[in-house]
Amino acid sequence: MRKYITSKSDIMGGVPCIVGTRIPIDVILYRLKEGNTLKDLHKMYPWVGLEKFEGVLEELARKVNKFSYDKTVSQTQTTA
């Protein structure tokens, strides 16, 4: 599975960014919240392929789902 998000201490102080860039993930989420589309983001950052932006969102969704699942399992084990 390809990885689209990275966090390295020597790049942007460890802030999660799109792989191969210095574009923080929180900036991408903020721009989407403002109403921008993935195509808009690609116009803002033309050196980043549209498929990479799509990959970032898919990876974030997987991380959120995993976090929710892990939290549910942890709570279930605590009450069992």
PDB file of N, CA and C in Angstrom:
ATOM      1  N   MET A   1       0.847  -1.178   0.000  1.00  0.00           N
ATOM      2  CA  MET A   1       0.000   0.000   0.000  1.00  0.00           C
ATOM      3  C   MET A   1       0.894   1.243   0.000  1.00  0.00           C
ATOM      4  N   ARG A   2       0.627   2.139  -0.913  1.00  0.00           N
ATOM      5  CA  ARG A   2       1.432   3.349  -1.042  1.00  0.00           C
ATOM      6  C   ARG A   2       1.126   4.314   0.102  1.00  0.00           C
ATOM      7  N   LYS A   3       2.156   4.997   0.548  1.00  0.00           N
ATOM      8  CA  LYS A   3       1.999   5.943   1.645  1.00  0.00           C
ATOM      9  C   LYS A   3       2.062   7.369   1.091  1.00  0.00           C
ATOM     10  N   TYR A   4       1.095   8.185   1.457  1.00  0.00           N
ATOM     11  CA  TYR A   4       0.998   9.552   0.949  1.00  0.00           C
ATOM     12  C   TYR A   4       1.286  10.607   2.011  1.00  0.00           C
ATOM     13  N   ILE A   5       1.327  10.202   3.266  1.00  0.00           N
ATOM     14  CA  ILE A   5       1.545  11.134   4.371  1.00  0.00           C
ATOM     15  C   ILE A   5       2.807  10.720   5.105  1.00  0.00           C
ATOM     16  N   THR A   6       3.633  11.715   5.414  1.00  0.00           N
ATOM     17  CA  THR A   6       4.858  11.433   6.147  1.00  0.00           C
ATOM     18  C   THR A   6       5.039  12.460   7.252  1.00  0.00           C
ATOM     19  N   SER A   7       5.802  12.080   8.245  1.00  0.00           N
ATOM     20  CA  SER A   7       6.144  12.982   9.339  1.00  0.00           C
ATOM     21  C   SER A   7       7.588  12.710   9.719  1.00  0.00           C
ATOM     22  N   LYS A   8       8.456  13.662   9.394  1.00  0.00           N
ATOM     23  CA  LYS A   8       9.880  13.527   9.699  1.00  0.00           C
ATOM     24  C   LYS A   8      10.345  14.774  10.432  1.00  0.00           C
ATOM     25  N   SER A   9      11.125  14.583  11.469  1.00  0.00           N
ATOM     26  CA  SER A   9      11.547  15.712  12.301  1.00  0.00           C
ATOM     27  C   SER A   9      12.334  16.761  11.517  1.00  0.00           C
ATOM     28  N   ASP A  10      13.013  16.354  10.444  1.00  0.00           N
ATOM     29  CA  ASP A  10      13.810  17.310   9.674  1.00  0.00           C
ATOM     30  C   ASP A  10      13.013  18.010   8.564  1.00  0.00           C
ATOM     31  N   ILE A  11      11.733  17.675   8.434  1.00  0.00           N
ATOM     32  CA  ILE A  11      10.870  18.332   7.445  1.00  0.00           C
ATOM     33  C   ILE A  11       9.697  18.964   8.179  1.00  0.00           C
ATOM     34  N   MET A  12       9.626  20.275   8.138  1.00  0.00           N
ATOM     35  CA  MET A  12       8.541  21.035   8.771  1.00  0.00           C
ATOM     36  C   MET A  12       8.407  20.705  10.262  1.00  0.00           C
ATOM     37  N   GLY A  13       9.516  20.377  10.897  1.00  0.00           N
ATOM     38  CA  GLY A  13       9.509  20.101  12.331  1.00  0.00           C
ATOM     39  C   GLY A  13       8.681  18.895  12.735  1.00  0.00           C
ATOM     40  N   GLY A  14       8.466  17.975  11.792  1.00  0.00           N
ATOM     41  CA  GLY A  14       7.708  16.767  12.106  1.00  0.00           C
ATOM     42  C   GLY A  14       6.213  16.864  11.849  1.00  0.00           C
ATOM     43  N   VAL A  15       5.764  18.013  11.362  1.00  0.00           N
ATOM     44  CA  VAL A  15       4.341  18.179  11.032  1.00  0.00           C
ATOM     45  C   VAL A  15       4.002  17.219   9.890  1.00  0.00           C
ATOM     46  N   PRO A  16       2.908  16.471   9.983  1.00  0.00           N
ATOM     47  CA  PRO A  16       2.539  15.566   8.890  1.00  0.00           C
ATOM     48  C   PRO A  16       2.339  16.331   7.580  1.00  0.00           C
ATOM     49  N   CYS A  17       3.009  15.851   6.521  1.00  0.00           N
ATOM     50  CA  CYS A  17       2.975  16.492   5.205  1.00  0.00           C
ATOM     51  C   CYS A  17       2.714  15.460   4.122  1.00  0.00           C
ATOM     52  N   ILE A  18       2.370  15.963   2.931  1.00  0.00           N
ATOM     53  CA  ILE A  18       2.257  15.091   1.770  1.00  0.00           C
ATOM     54  C   ILE A  18       3.662  14.626   1.410  1.00  0.00           C
ATOM     55  N   VAL A  19       3.829  13.332   1.178  1.00  0.00           N
ATOM     56  CA  VAL A  19       5.132  12.763   0.835  1.00  0.00           C
ATOM     57  C   VAL A  19       5.735  13.525  -0.340  1.00  0.00           C
ATOM     58  N   GLY A  20       7.024  13.860  -0.208  1.00  0.00           N
ATOM     59  CA  GLY A  20       7.751  14.537  -1.273  1.00  0.00           C
ATOM     60  C   GLY A  20       7.509  16.032  -1.354  1.00  0.00           C
ATOM     61  N   THR A  21       6.779  16.576  -0.368  1.00  0.00           N
ATOM     62  CA  THR A  21       6.489  18.016  -0.353  1.00  0.00           C
ATOM     63  C   THR A  21       6.682  18.552   1.066  1.00  0.00           C
ATOM     64  N   ARG A  22       6.470  19.833   1.191  1.00  0.00           N
ATOM     65  CA  ARG A  22       6.423  20.475   2.503  1.00  0.00           C
ATOM     66  C   ARG A  22       5.020  21.040   2.741  1.00  0.00           C
ATOM     67  N   ILE A  23       4.033  20.389   2.140  1.00  0.00           N
ATOM     68  CA  ILE A  23       2.642  20.829   2.286  1.00  0.00           C
ATOM     69  C   ILE A  23       2.026  20.092   3.470  1.00  0.00           C
ATOM     70  N   PRO A  24       1.738  20.828   4.556  1.00  0.00           N
ATOM     71  CA  PRO A  24       1.154  20.187   5.732  1.00  0.00           C
ATOM     72  C   PRO A  24      -0.258  19.667   5.463  1.00  0.00           C
ATOM     73  N   ILE A  25      -0.567  18.538   6.049  1.00  0.00           N
ATOM     74  CA  ILE A  25      -1.885  17.925   5.894  1.00  0.00           C
ATOM     75  C   ILE A  25      -2.973  18.838   6.451  1.00  0.00           C
ATOM     76  N   ASP A  26      -2.687  19.546   7.541  1.00  0.00           N
ATOM     77  CA  ASP A  26      -3.716  20.421   8.105  1.00  0.00           C
ATOM     78  C   ASP A  26      -4.079  21.547   7.143  1.00  0.00           C
ATOM     79  N   VAL A  27      -3.139  21.990   6.318  1.00  0.00           N
ATOM     80  CA  VAL A  27      -3.435  23.019   5.313  1.00  0.00           C
ATOM     81  C   VAL A  27      -4.401  22.457   4.268  1.00  0.00           C
ATOM     82  N   ILE A  28      -4.162  21.218   3.853  1.00  0.00           N
ATOM     83  CA  ILE A  28      -5.044  20.571   2.879  1.00  0.00           C
ATOM     84  C   ILE A  28      -6.460  20.458   3.454  1.00  0.00           C
ATOM     85  N   LEU A  29      -6.559  19.997   4.692  1.00  0.00           N
ATOM     86  CA  LEU A  29      -7.879  19.859   5.322  1.00  0.00           C
ATOM     87  C   LEU A  29      -8.570  21.212   5.477  1.00  0.00           C
ATOM     88  N   TYR A  30      -7.815  22.237   5.838  1.00  0.00           N
ATOM     89  CA  TYR A  30      -8.382  23.574   5.978  1.00  0.00           C
ATOM     90  C   TYR A  30      -8.919  24.067   4.640  1.00  0.00           C
ATOM     91  N   ARG A  31      -8.154  23.861   3.582  1.00  0.00           N
ATOM     92  CA  ARG A  31      -8.590  24.299   2.245  1.00  0.00           C
ATOM     93  C   ARG A  31      -9.858  23.548   1.804  1.00  0.00           C
ATOM     94  N   LEU A  32      -9.935  22.271   2.119  1.00  0.00           N
ATOM     95  CA  LEU A  32     -11.146  21.512   1.799  1.00  0.00           C
ATOM     96  C   LEU A  32     -12.329  22.035   2.612  1.00  0.00           C
ATOM     97  N   LYS A  33     -12.082  22.351   3.876  1.00  0.00           N
ATOM     98  CA  LYS A  33     -13.135  22.902   4.742  1.00  0.00           C
ATOM     99  C   LYS A  33     -13.645  24.232   4.189  1.00  0.00           C
ATOM    100  N   GLU A  34     -12.752  25.007   3.571  1.00  0.00           N
ATOM    101  CA  GLU A  34     -13.134  26.287   2.972  1.00  0.00           C
ATOM    102  C   GLU A  34     -14.008  26.107   1.733  1.00  0.00           C
ATOM    103  N   GLY A  35     -14.101  24.870   1.237  1.00  0.00           N
ATOM    104  CA  GLY A  35     -14.931  24.611   0.067  1.00  0.00           C
ATOM    105  C   GLY A  35     -14.162  24.299  -1.200  1.00  0.00           C
ATOM    106  N   ASN A  36     -12.839  24.264  -1.106  1.00  0.00           N
ATOM    107  CA  ASN A  36     -12.030  23.915  -2.270  1.00  0.00           C
ATOM    108  C   ASN A  36     -12.193  22.436  -2.597  1.00  0.00           C
ATOM    109  N   THR A  37     -12.067  22.110  -3.866  1.00  0.00           N
ATOM    110  CA  THR A  37     -12.119  20.719  -4.311  1.00  0.00           C
ATOM    111  C   THR A  37     -10.697  20.195  -4.492  1.00  0.00           C
ATOM    112  N   LEU A  38     -10.579  18.898  -4.751  1.00  0.00           N
ATOM    113  CA  LEU A  38      -9.258  18.338  -5.029  1.00  0.00           C
ATOM    114  C   LEU A  38      -8.666  18.958  -6.292  1.00  0.00           C
ATOM    115  N   LYS A  39      -9.508  19.256  -7.264  1.00  0.00           N
ATOM    116  CA  LYS A  39      -9.020  19.925  -8.483  1.00  0.00           C
ATOM    117  C   LYS A  39      -8.503  21.322  -8.159  1.00  0.00           C
ATOM    118  N   ASP A  40      -9.184  22.021  -7.239  1.00  0.00           N
ATOM    119  CA  ASP A  40      -8.705  23.337  -6.801  1.00  0.00           C
ATOM    120  C   ASP A  40      -7.332  23.212  -6.153  1.00  0.00           C
ATOM    121  N   LEU A  41      -7.177  22.194  -5.309  1.00  0.00           N
ATOM    122  CA  LEU A  41      -5.886  21.981  -4.650  1.00  0.00           C
ATOM    123  C   LEU A  41      -4.797  21.718  -5.679  1.00  0.00           C
ATOM    124  N   HIS A  42      -5.124  20.936  -6.693  1.00  0.00           N
ATOM    125  CA  HIS A  42      -4.154  20.643  -7.747  1.00  0.00           C
ATOM    126  C   HIS A  42      -3.757  21.926  -8.484  1.00  0.00           C
ATOM    127  N   LYS A  43      -4.697  22.842  -8.668  1.00  0.00           N
ATOM    128  CA  LYS A  43      -4.378  24.131  -9.298  1.00  0.00           C
ATOM    129  C   LYS A  43      -3.478  24.972  -8.396  1.00  0.00           C
ATOM    130  N   MET A  44      -3.705  24.889  -7.080  1.00  0.00           N
ATOM    131  CA  MET A  44      -2.875  25.632  -6.125  1.00  0.00           C
ATOM    132  C   MET A  44      -1.465  25.058  -6.043  1.00  0.00           C
ATOM    133  N   TYR A  45      -1.372  23.748  -6.148  1.00  0.00           N
ATOM    134  CA  TYR A  45      -0.098  23.034  -6.037  1.00  0.00           C
ATOM    135  C   TYR A  45       0.061  22.140  -7.270  1.00  0.00           C
ATOM    136  N   PRO A  46       0.318  22.731  -8.451  1.00  0.00           N
ATOM    137  CA  PRO A  46       0.324  21.947  -9.692  1.00  0.00           C
ATOM    138  C   PRO A  46       1.403  20.870  -9.764  1.00  0.00           C
ATOM    139  N   TRP A  47       2.419  20.959  -8.934  1.00  0.00           N
ATOM    140  CA  TRP A  47       3.473  19.940  -8.918  1.00  0.00           C
ATOM    141  C   TRP A  47       3.046  18.678  -8.160  1.00  0.00           C
ATOM    142  N   VAL A  48       1.890  18.749  -7.498  1.00  0.00           N
ATOM    143  CA  VAL A  48       1.350  17.584  -6.793  1.00  0.00           C
ATOM    144  C   VAL A  48       0.210  17.020  -7.641  1.00  0.00           C
ATOM    145  N   GLY A  49       0.343  15.766  -8.036  1.00  0.00           N
ATOM    146  CA  GLY A  49      -0.678  15.139  -8.873  1.00  0.00           C
ATOM    147  C   GLY A  49      -2.006  14.980  -8.149  1.00  0.00           C
ATOM    148  N   LEU A  50      -3.066  15.046  -8.910  1.00  0.00           N
ATOM    149  CA  LEU A  50      -4.409  14.878  -8.362  1.00  0.00           C
ATOM    150  C   LEU A  50      -4.538  13.542  -7.642  1.00  0.00           C
ATOM    151  N   GLU A  51      -3.908  12.499  -8.195  1.00  0.00           N
ATOM    152  CA  GLU A  51      -3.972  11.172  -7.563  1.00  0.00           C
ATOM    153  C   GLU A  51      -3.293  11.168  -6.195  1.00  0.00           C
ATOM    154  N   LYS A  52      -2.310  12.042  -5.996  1.00  0.00           N
ATOM    155  CA  LYS A  52      -1.656  12.114  -4.687  1.00  0.00           C
ATOM    156  C   LYS A  52      -2.604  12.732  -3.658  1.00  0.00           C
ATOM    157  N   PHE A  53      -3.345  13.759  -4.053  1.00  0.00           N
ATOM    158  CA  PHE A  53      -4.337  14.344  -3.146  1.00  0.00           C
ATOM    159  C   PHE A  53      -5.410  13.317  -2.790  1.00  0.00           C
ATOM    160  N   GLU A  54      -5.852  12.552  -3.773  1.00  0.00           N
ATOM    161  CA  GLU A  54      -6.831  11.496  -3.513  1.00  0.00           C
ATOM    162  C   GLU A  54      -6.257  10.464  -2.550  1.00  0.00           C
ATOM    163  N   GLY A  55      -4.997  10.115  -2.743  1.00  0.00           N
ATOM    164  CA  GLY A  55      -4.337   9.156  -1.860  1.00  0.00           C
ATOM    165  C   GLY A  55      -4.238   9.661  -0.432  1.00  0.00           C
ATOM    166  N   VAL A  56      -3.973  10.949  -0.278  1.00  0.00           N
ATOM    167  CA  VAL A  56      -3.904  11.550   1.060  1.00  0.00           C
ATOM    168  C   VAL A  56      -5.239  11.370   1.780  1.00  0.00           C
ATOM    169  N   LEU A  57      -6.338  11.673   1.092  1.00  0.00           N
ATOM    170  CA  LEU A  57      -7.657  11.541   1.722  1.00  0.00           C
ATOM    171  C   LEU A  57      -7.977  10.095   2.053  1.00  0.00           C
ATOM    172  N   GLU A  58      -7.622   9.180   1.163  1.00  0.00           N
ATOM    173  CA  GLU A  58      -7.853   7.757   1.436  1.00  0.00           C
ATOM    174  C   GLU A  58      -7.042   7.299   2.642  1.00  0.00           C
ATOM    175  N   GLU A  59      -5.791   7.746   2.719  1.00  0.00           N
ATOM    176  CA  GLU A  59      -4.951   7.362   3.857  1.00  0.00           C
ATOM    177  C   GLU A  59      -5.502   7.933   5.163  1.00  0.00           C
ATOM    178  N   LEU A  60      -5.955   9.179   5.127  1.00  0.00           N
ATOM    179  CA  LEU A  60      -6.555   9.774   6.327  1.00  0.00           C
ATOM    180  C   LEU A  60      -7.796   9.005   6.758  1.00  0.00           C
ATOM    181  N   ALA A  61      -8.626   8.631   5.796  1.00  0.00           N
ATOM    182  CA  ALA A  61      -9.840   7.869   6.119  1.00  0.00           C
ATOM    183  C   ALA A  61      -9.480   6.538   6.767  1.00  0.00           C
ATOM    184  N   ARG A  62      -8.459   5.860   6.242  1.00  0.00           N
ATOM    185  CA  ARG A  62      -8.024   4.584   6.839  1.00  0.00           C
ATOM    186  C   ARG A  62      -7.530   4.793   8.266  1.00  0.00           C
ATOM    187  N   LYS A  63      -6.779   5.873   8.488  1.00  0.00           N
ATOM    188  CA  LYS A  63      -6.250   6.143   9.830  1.00  0.00           C
ATOM    189  C   LYS A  63      -7.379   6.437  10.818  1.00  0.00           C
ATOM    190  N   VAL A  64      -8.376   7.199  10.380  1.00  0.00           N
ATOM    191  CA  VAL A  64      -9.518   7.508  11.247  1.00  0.00           C
ATOM    192  C   VAL A  64     -10.289   6.234  11.559  1.00  0.00           C
ATOM    193  N   ASN A  65     -10.536   5.409  10.539  1.00  0.00           N
ATOM    194  CA  ASN A  65     -11.245   4.147  10.764  1.00  0.00           C
ATOM    195  C   ASN A  65     -10.477   3.241  11.710  1.00  0.00           C
ATOM    196  N   LYS A  66      -9.163   3.156  11.542  1.00  0.00           N
ATOM    197  CA  LYS A  66      -8.336   2.315  12.415  1.00  0.00           C
ATOM    198  C   LYS A  66      -8.376   2.849  13.843  1.00  0.00           C
ATOM    199  N   PHE A  67      -8.280   4.170  13.997  1.00  0.00           N
ATOM    200  CA  PHE A  67      -8.328   4.771  15.324  1.00  0.00           C
ATOM    201  C   PHE A  67      -9.663   4.458  15.993  1.00  0.00           C
ATOM    202  N   SER A  68     -10.762   4.621  15.249  1.00  0.00           N
ATOM    203  CA  SER A  68     -12.093   4.340  15.804  1.00  0.00           C
ATOM    204  C   SER A  68     -12.218   2.882  16.200  1.00  0.00           C
ATOM    205  N   TYR A  69     -11.718   1.976  15.344  1.00  0.00           N
ATOM    206  CA  TYR A  69     -11.771   0.543  15.627  1.00  0.00           C
ATOM    207  C   TYR A  69     -10.931   0.211  16.859  1.00  0.00           C
ATOM    208  N   ASP A  70      -9.695   0.725  16.891  1.00  0.00           N
ATOM    209  CA  ASP A  70      -8.814   0.451  18.030  1.00  0.00           C
ATOM    210  C   ASP A  70      -9.421   0.963  19.328  1.00  0.00           C
ATOM    211  N   LYS A  71     -10.054   2.134  19.278  1.00  0.00           N
ATOM    212  CA  LYS A  71     -10.674   2.705  20.473  1.00  0.00           C
ATOM    213  C   LYS A  71     -11.842   1.834  20.928  1.00  0.00           C
ATOM    214  N   THR A  72     -12.652   1.368  19.986  1.00  0.00           N
ATOM    215  CA  THR A  72     -13.788   0.505  20.311  1.00  0.00           C
ATOM    216  C   THR A  72     -13.315  -0.804  20.919  1.00  0.00           C
ATOM    217  N   VAL A  73     -12.298  -1.409  20.330  1.00  0.00           N
ATOM    218  CA  VAL A  73     -11.750  -2.670  20.847  1.00  0.00           C
ATOM    219  C   VAL A  73     -11.206  -2.458  22.249  1.00  0.00           C
ATOM    220  N   SER A  74     -10.494  -1.358  22.459  1.00  0.00           N
ATOM    221  CA  SER A  74      -9.923  -1.062  23.771  1.00  0.00           C
ATOM    222  C   SER A  74     -11.022  -0.905  24.821  1.00  0.00           C
ATOM    223  N   GLN A  75     -12.092  -0.203  24.467  1.00  0.00           N
ATOM    224  CA  GLN A  75     -13.195  -0.009  25.409  1.00  0.00           C
ATOM    225  C   GLN A  75     -13.908  -1.324  25.690  1.00  0.00           C
ATOM    226  N   THR A  76     -14.052  -2.158  24.676  1.00  0.00           N
ATOM    227  CA  THR A  76     -14.701  -3.460  24.841  1.00  0.00           C
ATOM    228  C   THR A  76     -13.878  -4.344  25.762  1.00  0.00           C
ATOM    229  N   GLN A  77     -12.566  -4.332  25.592  1.00  0.00           N
ATOM    230  CA  GLN A  77     -11.690  -5.157  26.425  1.00  0.00           C
ATOM    231  C   GLN A  77     -11.684  -4.668  27.864  1.00  0.00           C
ATOM    232  N   THR A  78     -11.812  -3.364  28.060  1.00  0.00           N
ATOM    233  CA  THR A  78     -11.819  -2.799  29.404  1.00  0.00           C
ATOM    234  C   THR A  78     -13.070  -3.209  30.167  1.00  0.00           C
ATOM    235  N   THR A  79     -14.210  -3.277  29.470  1.00  0.00           N
ATOM    236  CA  THR A  79     -15.466  -3.609  30.142  1.00  0.00           C
ATOM    237  C   THR A  79     -15.705  -5.108  30.241  1.00  0.00           C
ATOM    238  N   ALA A  80     -14.906  -5.897  29.540  1.00  0.00           N
ATOM    239  CA  ALA A  80     -15.113  -7.357  29.545  1.00  0.00           C
ATOM    240  C   ALA A  80     -14.515  -8.007  30.763  1.00  0.00           C
TER     241      ALA A  80
END
